[in-house]
Amino acid sequence: MEFLGEVETITDEGRLIVRATALPDVNSPVFDQRERKIGTVKRVFGPVDSPYVTILPVDKERLSGLAHKKIYFKGENTNGKGKRRN
């Protein structure tokens, strides 16, 4: 697991906004410190040096406890392996 960043805000629609320290892929799973799944990455936006990430949570009842918490993501290594060549 890689450190994604710290939750900055929770929107009215129930999404989490995080300033990312590493760049995740869209639809990457996101976890808390106890490795419980929080949600998935839905959008990456903002400046290239320090982008923001929007996360769609799995459970909207636990949102208030996630404010200013550190979160992590599991990225897949896609270095061209597994691609079919013709």
C-alpha atoms as a PDB file:
ATOM      1  CA  MET A   1       0.000   0.000   0.000  1.00  0.00           C
ATOM      2  CA  GLU A   2       1.134   3.487  -0.808  1.00  0.00           C
ATOM      3  CA  PHE A   3       0.387   6.652   1.141  1.00  0.00           C
ATOM      4  CA  LEU A   4      -2.162   8.712  -0.796  1.00  0.00           C
ATOM      5  CA  GLY A   5      -2.593  11.721   1.438  1.00  0.00           C
ATOM      6  CA  GLU A   6      -4.792  13.241   4.112  1.00  0.00           C
ATOM      7  CA  VAL A   7      -8.517  13.892   3.732  1.00  0.00           C
ATOM      8  CA  GLU A   8      -8.987  17.646   3.405  1.00  0.00           C
ATOM      9  CA  THR A   9     -12.739  18.020   2.954  1.00  0.00           C
ATOM     10  CA  ILE A  10     -15.940  16.046   2.692  1.00  0.00           C
ATOM     11  CA  THR A  11     -18.336  17.397   0.067  1.00  0.00           C
ATOM     12  CA  ASP A  12     -22.103  17.770   0.435  1.00  0.00           C
ATOM     13  CA  GLU A  13     -22.540  14.899  -2.049  1.00  0.00           C
ATOM     14  CA  GLY A  14     -20.595  12.597   0.272  1.00  0.00           C
ATOM     15  CA  ARG A  15     -17.270  12.453  -1.559  1.00  0.00           C
ATOM     16  CA  LEU A  16     -13.816  12.837  -0.045  1.00  0.00           C
ATOM     17  CA  ILE A  17     -11.273  15.331  -1.388  1.00  0.00           C
ATOM     18  CA  VAL A  18      -7.606  14.465  -0.793  1.00  0.00           C
ATOM     19  CA  ARG A  19      -4.419  16.304  -1.737  1.00  0.00           C
ATOM     20  CA  ALA A  20      -2.397  13.450  -3.174  1.00  0.00           C
ATOM     21  CA  THR A  21       1.280  12.847  -2.489  1.00  0.00           C
ATOM     22  CA  ALA A  22       1.352   9.998  -5.047  1.00  0.00           C
ATOM     23  CA  LEU A  23      -0.661   9.718  -8.242  1.00  0.00           C
ATOM     24  CA  PRO A  24      -3.178   6.843  -8.163  1.00  0.00           C
ATOM     25  CA  ASP A  25      -5.046   5.391 -11.129  1.00  0.00           C
ATOM     26  CA  VAL A  26      -8.771   6.000 -11.494  1.00  0.00           C
ATOM     27  CA  ASN A  27     -10.821   3.199  -9.861  1.00  0.00           C
ATOM     28  CA  SER A  28      -7.959   2.260  -7.517  1.00  0.00           C
ATOM     29  CA  PRO A  29      -9.190   1.038  -4.111  1.00  0.00           C
ATOM     30  CA  VAL A  30      -8.546   3.334  -1.144  1.00  0.00           C
ATOM     31  CA  PHE A  31      -7.952   2.133   2.439  1.00  0.00           C
ATOM     32  CA  ASP A  32      -7.525   3.562   5.925  1.00  0.00           C
ATOM     33  CA  GLN A  33      -4.673   2.812   8.343  1.00  0.00           C
ATOM     34  CA  ARG A  34      -6.284  -0.472   9.417  1.00  0.00           C
ATOM     35  CA  GLU A  35      -6.511  -1.604   5.776  1.00  0.00           C
ATOM     36  CA  ARG A  36     -10.311  -1.316   5.686  1.00  0.00           C
ATOM     37  CA  LYS A  37     -11.638  -0.268   2.299  1.00  0.00           C
ATOM     38  CA  ILE A  38     -12.946   3.286   2.270  1.00  0.00           C
ATOM     39  CA  GLY A  39     -13.842   3.636  -1.397  1.00  0.00           C
ATOM     40  CA  THR A  40     -12.418   4.113  -4.892  1.00  0.00           C
ATOM     41  CA  VAL A  41     -10.655   6.922  -6.735  1.00  0.00           C
ATOM     42  CA  LYS A  42     -13.071   8.593  -9.152  1.00  0.00           C
ATOM     43  CA  ARG A  43     -11.252  11.710 -10.364  1.00  0.00           C
ATOM     44  CA  VAL A  44      -7.777  13.235 -10.334  1.00  0.00           C
ATOM     45  CA  PHE A  45      -7.624  17.007 -10.879  1.00  0.00           C
ATOM     46  CA  GLY A  46      -5.655  20.127 -10.081  1.00  0.00           C
ATOM     47  CA  PRO A  47      -2.016  21.098 -10.535  1.00  0.00           C
ATOM     48  CA  VAL A  48       0.514  18.533 -11.693  1.00  0.00           C
ATOM     49  CA  ASP A  49       2.858  19.113  -8.741  1.00  0.00           C
ATOM     50  CA  SER A  50       0.226  18.408  -6.072  1.00  0.00           C
ATOM     51  CA  PRO A  51      -2.994  17.002  -7.532  1.00  0.00           C
ATOM     52  CA  TYR A  52      -6.286  16.481  -5.764  1.00  0.00           C
ATOM     53  CA  VAL A  53      -8.189  13.194  -5.764  1.00  0.00           C
ATOM     54  CA  THR A  54     -11.934  12.650  -5.420  1.00  0.00           C
ATOM     55  CA  ILE A  55     -12.920   9.427  -3.647  1.00  0.00           C
ATOM     56  CA  LEU A  56     -16.348   7.807  -3.812  1.00  0.00           C
ATOM     57  CA  PRO A  57     -16.835   6.123  -0.406  1.00  0.00           C
ATOM     58  CA  VAL A  58     -18.304   2.675   0.100  1.00  0.00           C
ATOM     59  CA  ASP A  59     -20.133   3.562   3.330  1.00  0.00           C
ATOM     60  CA  LYS A  60     -21.467   7.120   3.686  1.00  0.00           C
ATOM     61  CA  GLU A  61     -22.273   6.679   7.394  1.00  0.00           C
ATOM     62  CA  ARG A  62     -18.573   6.634   8.362  1.00  0.00           C
ATOM     63  CA  LEU A  63     -17.679   9.889   6.575  1.00  0.00           C
ATOM     64  CA  SER A  64     -17.505  12.110   9.647  1.00  0.00           C
ATOM     65  CA  GLY A  65     -14.778   9.934  11.188  1.00  0.00           C
ATOM     66  CA  LEU A  66     -12.563  10.242   8.092  1.00  0.00           C
ATOM     67  CA  ALA A  67     -11.919  13.994   8.291  1.00  0.00           C
ATOM     68  CA  HIS A  68      -8.152  14.721   8.417  1.00  0.00           C
ATOM     69  CA  LYS A  69      -7.239  11.006   8.444  1.00  0.00           C
ATOM     70  CA  LYS A  70      -4.361   9.492   6.495  1.00  0.00           C
ATOM     71  CA  ILE A  71      -5.426   7.201   3.685  1.00  0.00           C
ATOM     72  CA  TYR A  72      -3.644   4.775   1.397  1.00  0.00           C
ATOM     73  CA  PHE A  73      -4.202   3.148  -1.990  1.00  0.00           C
ATOM     74  CA  LYS A  74      -3.202  -0.052  -3.696  1.00  0.00           C
ATOM     75  CA  GLY A  75      -1.841   0.589  -7.130  1.00  0.00           C
ATOM     76  CA  GLU A  76      -1.164  -2.036  -9.722  1.00  0.00           C
ATOM     77  CA  ASN A  77       2.140  -2.255 -11.504  1.00  0.00           C
ATOM     78  CA  THR A  78       1.313  -1.772 -15.175  1.00  0.00           C
ATOM     79  CA  ASN A  79       4.708  -1.638 -16.829  1.00  0.00           C
ATOM     80  CA  GLY A  80       3.490  -3.203 -20.038  1.00  0.00           C
ATOM     81  CA  LYS A  81       3.298  -6.684 -18.583  1.00  0.00           C
ATOM     82  CA  GLY A  82       0.318  -8.742 -19.569  1.00  0.00           C
ATOM     83  CA  LYS A  83      -0.381  -6.819 -22.740  1.00  0.00           C
ATOM     84  CA  ARG A  84      -0.943  -8.837 -25.843  1.00  0.00           C
ATOM     85  CA  ARG A  85       1.397  -8.269 -28.724  1.00  0.00           C
ATOM     86  CA  ASN A  86       0.440  -8.913 -32.297  1.00  0.00           C
END
